């Protein structure tokens, strides 16, 4: 029998917030560190909200 449980990574919410750090060039040509935050399907459960185990 396969046991399913709430995904521990997203808590069953199906989405997780991701953070991406980049170095970009501004309008003067200087390099600037930037942080981009976005929401996407959970990487552990693929957006299902549950994992089998």
PDB file of N, CA and C in Angstrom:
ATOM      1  N   UNK A   1       0.839  -1.171   0.000  1.00  0.00           N
ATOM      2  CA  UNK A   1       0.000   0.000   0.000  1.00  0.00           C
ATOM      3  C   UNK A   1       0.893   1.247   0.000  1.00  0.00           C
ATOM      4  N   UNK A   2       0.584   2.198  -0.865  1.00  0.00           N
ATOM      5  CA  UNK A   2       1.364   3.423  -0.975  1.00  0.00           C
ATOM      6  C   UNK A   2       0.768   4.459  -0.033  1.00  0.00           C
ATOM      7  N   UNK A   3       1.625   5.041   0.795  1.00  0.00           N
ATOM      8  CA  UNK A   3       1.194   6.033   1.766  1.00  0.00           C
ATOM      9  C   UNK A   3       1.471   7.431   1.218  1.00  0.00           C
ATOM     10  N   UNK A   4       0.443   8.288   1.178  1.00  0.00           N
ATOM     11  CA  UNK A   4       0.657   9.666   0.753  1.00  0.00           C
ATOM     12  C   UNK A   4       0.578  10.565   1.978  1.00  0.00           C
ATOM     13  N   UNK A   5       1.348  11.642   1.928  1.00  0.00           N
ATOM     14  CA  UNK A   5       1.344  12.607   3.024  1.00  0.00           C
ATOM     15  C   UNK A   5       1.471  14.008   2.458  1.00  0.00           C
ATOM     16  N   UNK A   6       1.137  14.979   3.262  1.00  0.00           N
ATOM     17  CA  UNK A   6       1.271  16.371   2.852  1.00  0.00           C
ATOM     18  C   UNK A   6       2.747  16.655   2.590  1.00  0.00           C
ATOM     19  N   UNK A   7       3.022  17.332   1.499  1.00  0.00           N
ATOM     20  CA  UNK A   7       4.398  17.645   1.137  1.00  0.00           C
ATOM     21  C   UNK A   7       5.037  18.521   2.222  1.00  0.00           C
ATOM     22  N   UNK A   8       6.162  18.092   2.783  1.00  0.00           N
ATOM     23  CA  UNK A   8       6.803  18.887   3.830  1.00  0.00           C
ATOM     24  C   UNK A   8       7.446  20.175   3.313  1.00  0.00           C
ATOM     25  N   UNK A   9       7.729  20.238   2.038  1.00  0.00           N
ATOM     26  CA  UNK A   9       8.382  21.429   1.480  1.00  0.00           C
ATOM     27  C   UNK A   9       7.409  22.602   1.331  1.00  0.00           C
ATOM     28  N   UNK A  10       6.180  22.324   0.879  1.00  0.00           N
ATOM     29  CA  UNK A  10       5.205  23.405   0.650  1.00  0.00           C
ATOM     30  C   UNK A  10       4.051  23.374   1.635  1.00  0.00           C
ATOM     31  N   UNK A  11       4.024  22.357   2.500  1.00  0.00           N
ATOM     32  CA  UNK A  11       2.949  22.252   3.480  1.00  0.00           C
ATOM     33  C   UNK A  11       1.586  22.001   2.859  1.00  0.00           C
ATOM     34  N   UNK A  12       1.575  21.454   1.644  1.00  0.00           N
ATOM     35  CA  UNK A  12       0.328  21.171   0.946  1.00  0.00           C
ATOM     36  C   UNK A  12      -0.186  22.353   0.141  1.00  0.00           C
ATOM     37  N   UNK A  13       0.536  23.467   0.178  1.00  0.00           N
ATOM     38  CA  UNK A  13       0.103  24.668  -0.532  1.00  0.00           C
ATOM     39  C   UNK A  13       0.358  24.638  -2.019  1.00  0.00           C
ATOM     40  N   UNK A  14       1.129  23.675  -2.481  1.00  0.00           N
ATOM     41  CA  UNK A  14       1.438  23.437  -3.899  1.00  0.00           C
ATOM     42  C   UNK A  14       2.407  24.431  -4.523  1.00  0.00           C
ATOM     43  N   UNK A  15       2.612  25.583  -3.908  1.00  0.00           N
ATOM     44  CA  UNK A  15       3.513  26.595  -4.455  1.00  0.00           C
ATOM     45  C   UNK A  15       4.590  26.935  -3.429  1.00  0.00           C
ATOM     46  N   UNK A  16       5.743  27.329  -3.917  1.00  0.00           N
ATOM     47  CA  UNK A  16       6.805  27.807  -3.038  1.00  0.00           C
ATOM     48  C   UNK A  16       7.403  29.076  -3.624  1.00  0.00           C
ATOM     49  N   UNK A  17       7.906  29.922  -2.741  1.00  0.00           N
ATOM     50  CA  UNK A  17       8.566  31.147  -3.190  1.00  0.00           C
ATOM     51  C   UNK A  17      10.020  30.829  -3.490  1.00  0.00           C
ATOM     52  N   UNK A  18      10.468  31.256  -4.637  1.00  0.00           N
ATOM     53  CA  UNK A  18      11.850  31.040  -5.054  1.00  0.00           C
ATOM     54  C   UNK A  18      12.579  32.381  -5.044  1.00  0.00           C
ATOM     55  N   UNK A  19      13.882  32.337  -4.848  1.00  0.00           N
ATOM     56  CA  UNK A  19      14.724  33.531  -4.872  1.00  0.00           C
ATOM     57  C   UNK A  19      15.859  33.293  -5.845  1.00  0.00           C
ATOM     58  N   UNK A  20      16.066  34.247  -6.738  1.00  0.00           N
ATOM     59  CA  UNK A  20      17.137  34.156  -7.725  1.00  0.00           C
ATOM     60  C   UNK A  20      18.036  35.382  -7.574  1.00  0.00           C
ATOM     61  N   UNK A  21      19.334  35.151  -7.430  1.00  0.00           N
ATOM     62  CA  UNK A  21      20.312  36.228  -7.318  1.00  0.00           C
ATOM     63  C   UNK A  21      21.036  36.366  -8.653  1.00  0.00           C
ATOM     64  N   UNK A  22      21.066  37.591  -9.179  1.00  0.00           N
ATOM     65  CA  UNK A  22      21.721  37.833 -10.454  1.00  0.00           C
ATOM     66  C   UNK A  22      22.600  39.073 -10.363  1.00  0.00           C
ATOM     67  N   UNK A  23      23.490  39.213 -11.315  1.00  0.00           N
ATOM     68  CA  UNK A  23      24.267  40.443 -11.488  1.00  0.00           C
ATOM     69  C   UNK A  23      23.871  40.990 -12.845  1.00  0.00           C
ATOM     70  N   UNK A  24      23.360  42.234 -12.845  1.00  0.00           N
ATOM     71  CA  UNK A  24      22.874  42.847 -14.068  1.00  0.00           C
ATOM     72  C   UNK A  24      23.614  44.158 -14.316  1.00  0.00           C
ATOM     73  N   UNK A  25      23.512  44.642 -15.520  1.00  0.00           N
ATOM     74  CA  UNK A  25      24.126  45.916 -15.894  1.00  0.00           C
ATOM     75  C   UNK A  25      23.066  46.998 -15.873  1.00  0.00           C
ATOM     76  N   UNK A  26      23.325  48.086 -15.150  1.00  0.00           N
ATOM     77  CA  UNK A  26      22.354  49.177 -15.100  1.00  0.00           C
ATOM     78  C   UNK A  26      22.536  50.111 -16.292  1.00  0.00           C
ATOM     79  N   UNK A  27      21.774  51.197 -16.332  1.00  0.00           N
ATOM     80  CA  UNK A  27      21.787  52.107 -17.477  1.00  0.00           C
ATOM     81  C   UNK A  27      23.122  52.828 -17.666  1.00  0.00           C
ATOM     82  N   UNK A  28      23.952  52.880 -16.616  1.00  0.00           N
ATOM     83  CA  UNK A  28      25.267  53.525 -16.727  1.00  0.00           C
ATOM     84  C   UNK A  28      26.371  52.529 -17.088  1.00  0.00           C
ATOM     85  N   UNK A  29      26.007  51.259 -17.173  1.00  0.00           N
ATOM     86  CA  UNK A  29      26.994  50.237 -17.508  1.00  0.00           C
ATOM     87  C   UNK A  29      27.648  49.603 -16.295  1.00  0.00           C
ATOM     88  N   UNK A  30      27.195  49.961 -15.103  1.00  0.00           N
ATOM     89  CA  UNK A  30      27.738  49.386 -13.869  1.00  0.00           C
ATOM     90  C   UNK A  30      27.028  48.077 -13.544  1.00  0.00           C
ATOM     91  N   UNK A  31      27.764  47.143 -12.945  1.00  0.00           N
ATOM     92  CA  UNK A  31      27.166  45.889 -12.522  1.00  0.00           C
ATOM     93  C   UNK A  31      26.478  46.089 -11.175  1.00  0.00           C
ATOM     94  N   UNK A  32      25.266  45.554 -11.078  1.00  0.00           N
ATOM     95  CA  UNK A  32      24.458  45.710  -9.874  1.00  0.00           C
ATOM     96  C   UNK A  32      23.909  44.339  -9.477  1.00  0.00           C
ATOM     97  N   UNK A  33      24.042  43.991  -8.193  1.00  0.00           N
ATOM     98  CA  UNK A  33      23.467  42.740  -7.690  1.00  0.00           C
ATOM     99  C   UNK A  33      21.966  42.927  -7.521  1.00  0.00           C
ATOM    100  N   UNK A  34      21.187  41.976  -8.014  1.00  0.00           N
ATOM    101  CA  UNK A  34      19.728  42.037  -7.914  1.00  0.00           C
ATOM    102  C   UNK A  34      19.202  40.739  -7.319  1.00  0.00           C
ATOM    103  N   UNK A  35      18.079  40.854  -6.642  1.00  0.00           N
ATOM    104  CA  UNK A  35      17.388  39.692  -6.096  1.00  0.00           C
ATOM    105  C   UNK A  35      15.988  39.678  -6.703  1.00  0.00           C
ATOM    106  N   UNK A  36      15.631  38.558  -7.325  1.00  0.00           N
ATOM    107  CA  UNK A  36      14.306  38.387  -7.928  1.00  0.00           C
ATOM    108  C   UNK A  36      13.572  37.310  -7.138  1.00  0.00           C
ATOM    109  N   UNK A  37      12.360  37.613  -6.710  1.00  0.00           N
ATOM    110  CA  UNK A  37      11.539  36.643  -5.991  1.00  0.00           C
ATOM    111  C   UNK A  37      10.319  36.332  -6.851  1.00  0.00           C
ATOM    112  N   UNK A  38       9.955  35.054  -6.892  1.00  0.00           N
ATOM    113  CA  UNK A  38       8.791  34.637  -7.666  1.00  0.00           C
ATOM    114  C   UNK A  38       8.212  33.368  -7.056  1.00  0.00           C
ATOM    115  N   UNK A  39       6.993  33.071  -7.413  1.00  0.00           N
ATOM    116  CA  UNK A  39       6.301  31.885  -6.911  1.00  0.00           C
ATOM    117  C   UNK A  39       6.139  30.908  -8.065  1.00  0.00           C
ATOM    118  N   UNK A  40       6.404  29.633  -7.778  1.00  0.00           N
ATOM    119  CA  UNK A  40       6.238  28.604  -8.800  1.00  0.00           C
ATOM    120  C   UNK A  40       5.829  27.295  -8.124  1.00  0.00           C
ATOM    121  N   UNK A  41       5.416  26.291  -8.910  1.00  0.00           N
ATOM    122  CA  UNK A  41       5.047  25.015  -8.315  1.00  0.00           C
ATOM    123  C   UNK A  41       6.191  24.448  -7.469  1.00  0.00           C
ATOM    124  N   UNK A  42       5.828  23.814  -6.397  1.00  0.00           N
ATOM    125  CA  UNK A  42       6.804  23.223  -5.479  1.00  0.00           C
ATOM    126  C   UNK A  42       7.718  22.264  -6.234  1.00  0.00           C
ATOM    127  N   UNK A  43       8.998  22.375  -5.996  1.00  0.00           N
ATOM    128  CA  UNK A  43       9.977  21.519  -6.657  1.00  0.00           C
ATOM    129  C   UNK A  43       9.985  20.097  -6.128  1.00  0.00           C
ATOM    130  N   UNK A  44       9.510  19.905  -4.909  1.00  0.00           N
ATOM    131  CA  UNK A  44       9.526  18.562  -4.328  1.00  0.00           C
ATOM    132  C   UNK A  44       8.339  17.718  -4.779  1.00  0.00           C
ATOM    133  N   UNK A  45       7.138  18.310  -4.764  1.00  0.00           N
ATOM    134  CA  UNK A  45       5.939  17.528  -5.118  1.00  0.00           C
ATOM    135  C   UNK A  45       5.424  17.845  -6.516  1.00  0.00           C
ATOM    136  N   UNK A  46       6.062  18.797  -7.208  1.00  0.00           N
ATOM    137  CA  UNK A  46       5.639  19.158  -8.554  1.00  0.00           C
ATOM    138  C   UNK A  46       4.308  19.887  -8.592  1.00  0.00           C
ATOM    139  N   UNK A  47       3.905  20.443  -7.477  1.00  0.00           N
ATOM    140  CA  UNK A  47       2.646  21.183  -7.421  1.00  0.00           C
ATOM    141  C   UNK A  47       1.454  20.333  -7.009  1.00  0.00           C
ATOM    142  N   UNK A  48       1.684  19.089  -6.624  1.00  0.00           N
ATOM    143  CA  UNK A  48       0.584  18.206  -6.232  1.00  0.00           C
ATOM    144  C   UNK A  48       0.119  18.449  -4.798  1.00  0.00           C
ATOM    145  N   UNK A  49       1.010  18.943  -3.952  1.00  0.00           N
ATOM    146  CA  UNK A  49       0.679  19.157  -2.543  1.00  0.00           C
ATOM    147  C   UNK A  49       0.847  17.940  -1.681  1.00  0.00           C
ATOM    148  N   UNK A  50       1.121  16.789  -2.316  1.00  0.00           N
ATOM    149  CA  UNK A  50       1.305  15.529  -1.594  1.00  0.00           C
ATOM    150  C   UNK A  50       2.525  14.790  -2.135  1.00  0.00           C
ATOM    151  N   UNK A  51       3.117  13.996  -1.288  1.00  0.00           N
ATOM    152  CA  UNK A  51       4.228  13.129  -1.708  1.00  0.00           C
ATOM    153  C   UNK A  51       3.903  11.712  -1.254  1.00  0.00           C
ATOM    154  N   UNK A  52       4.439  10.735  -1.972  1.00  0.00           N
ATOM    155  CA  UNK A  52       4.247   9.340  -1.575  1.00  0.00           C
ATOM    156  C   UNK A  52       5.510   8.846  -0.904  1.00  0.00           C
ATOM    157  N   UNK A  53       5.332   7.971   0.004  1.00  0.00           N
ATOM    158  CA  UNK A  53       6.513   7.516   0.702  1.00  0.00           C
ATOM    159  C   UNK A  53       6.362   6.277   1.436  1.00  0.00           C
TER     160      UNK A  53
END
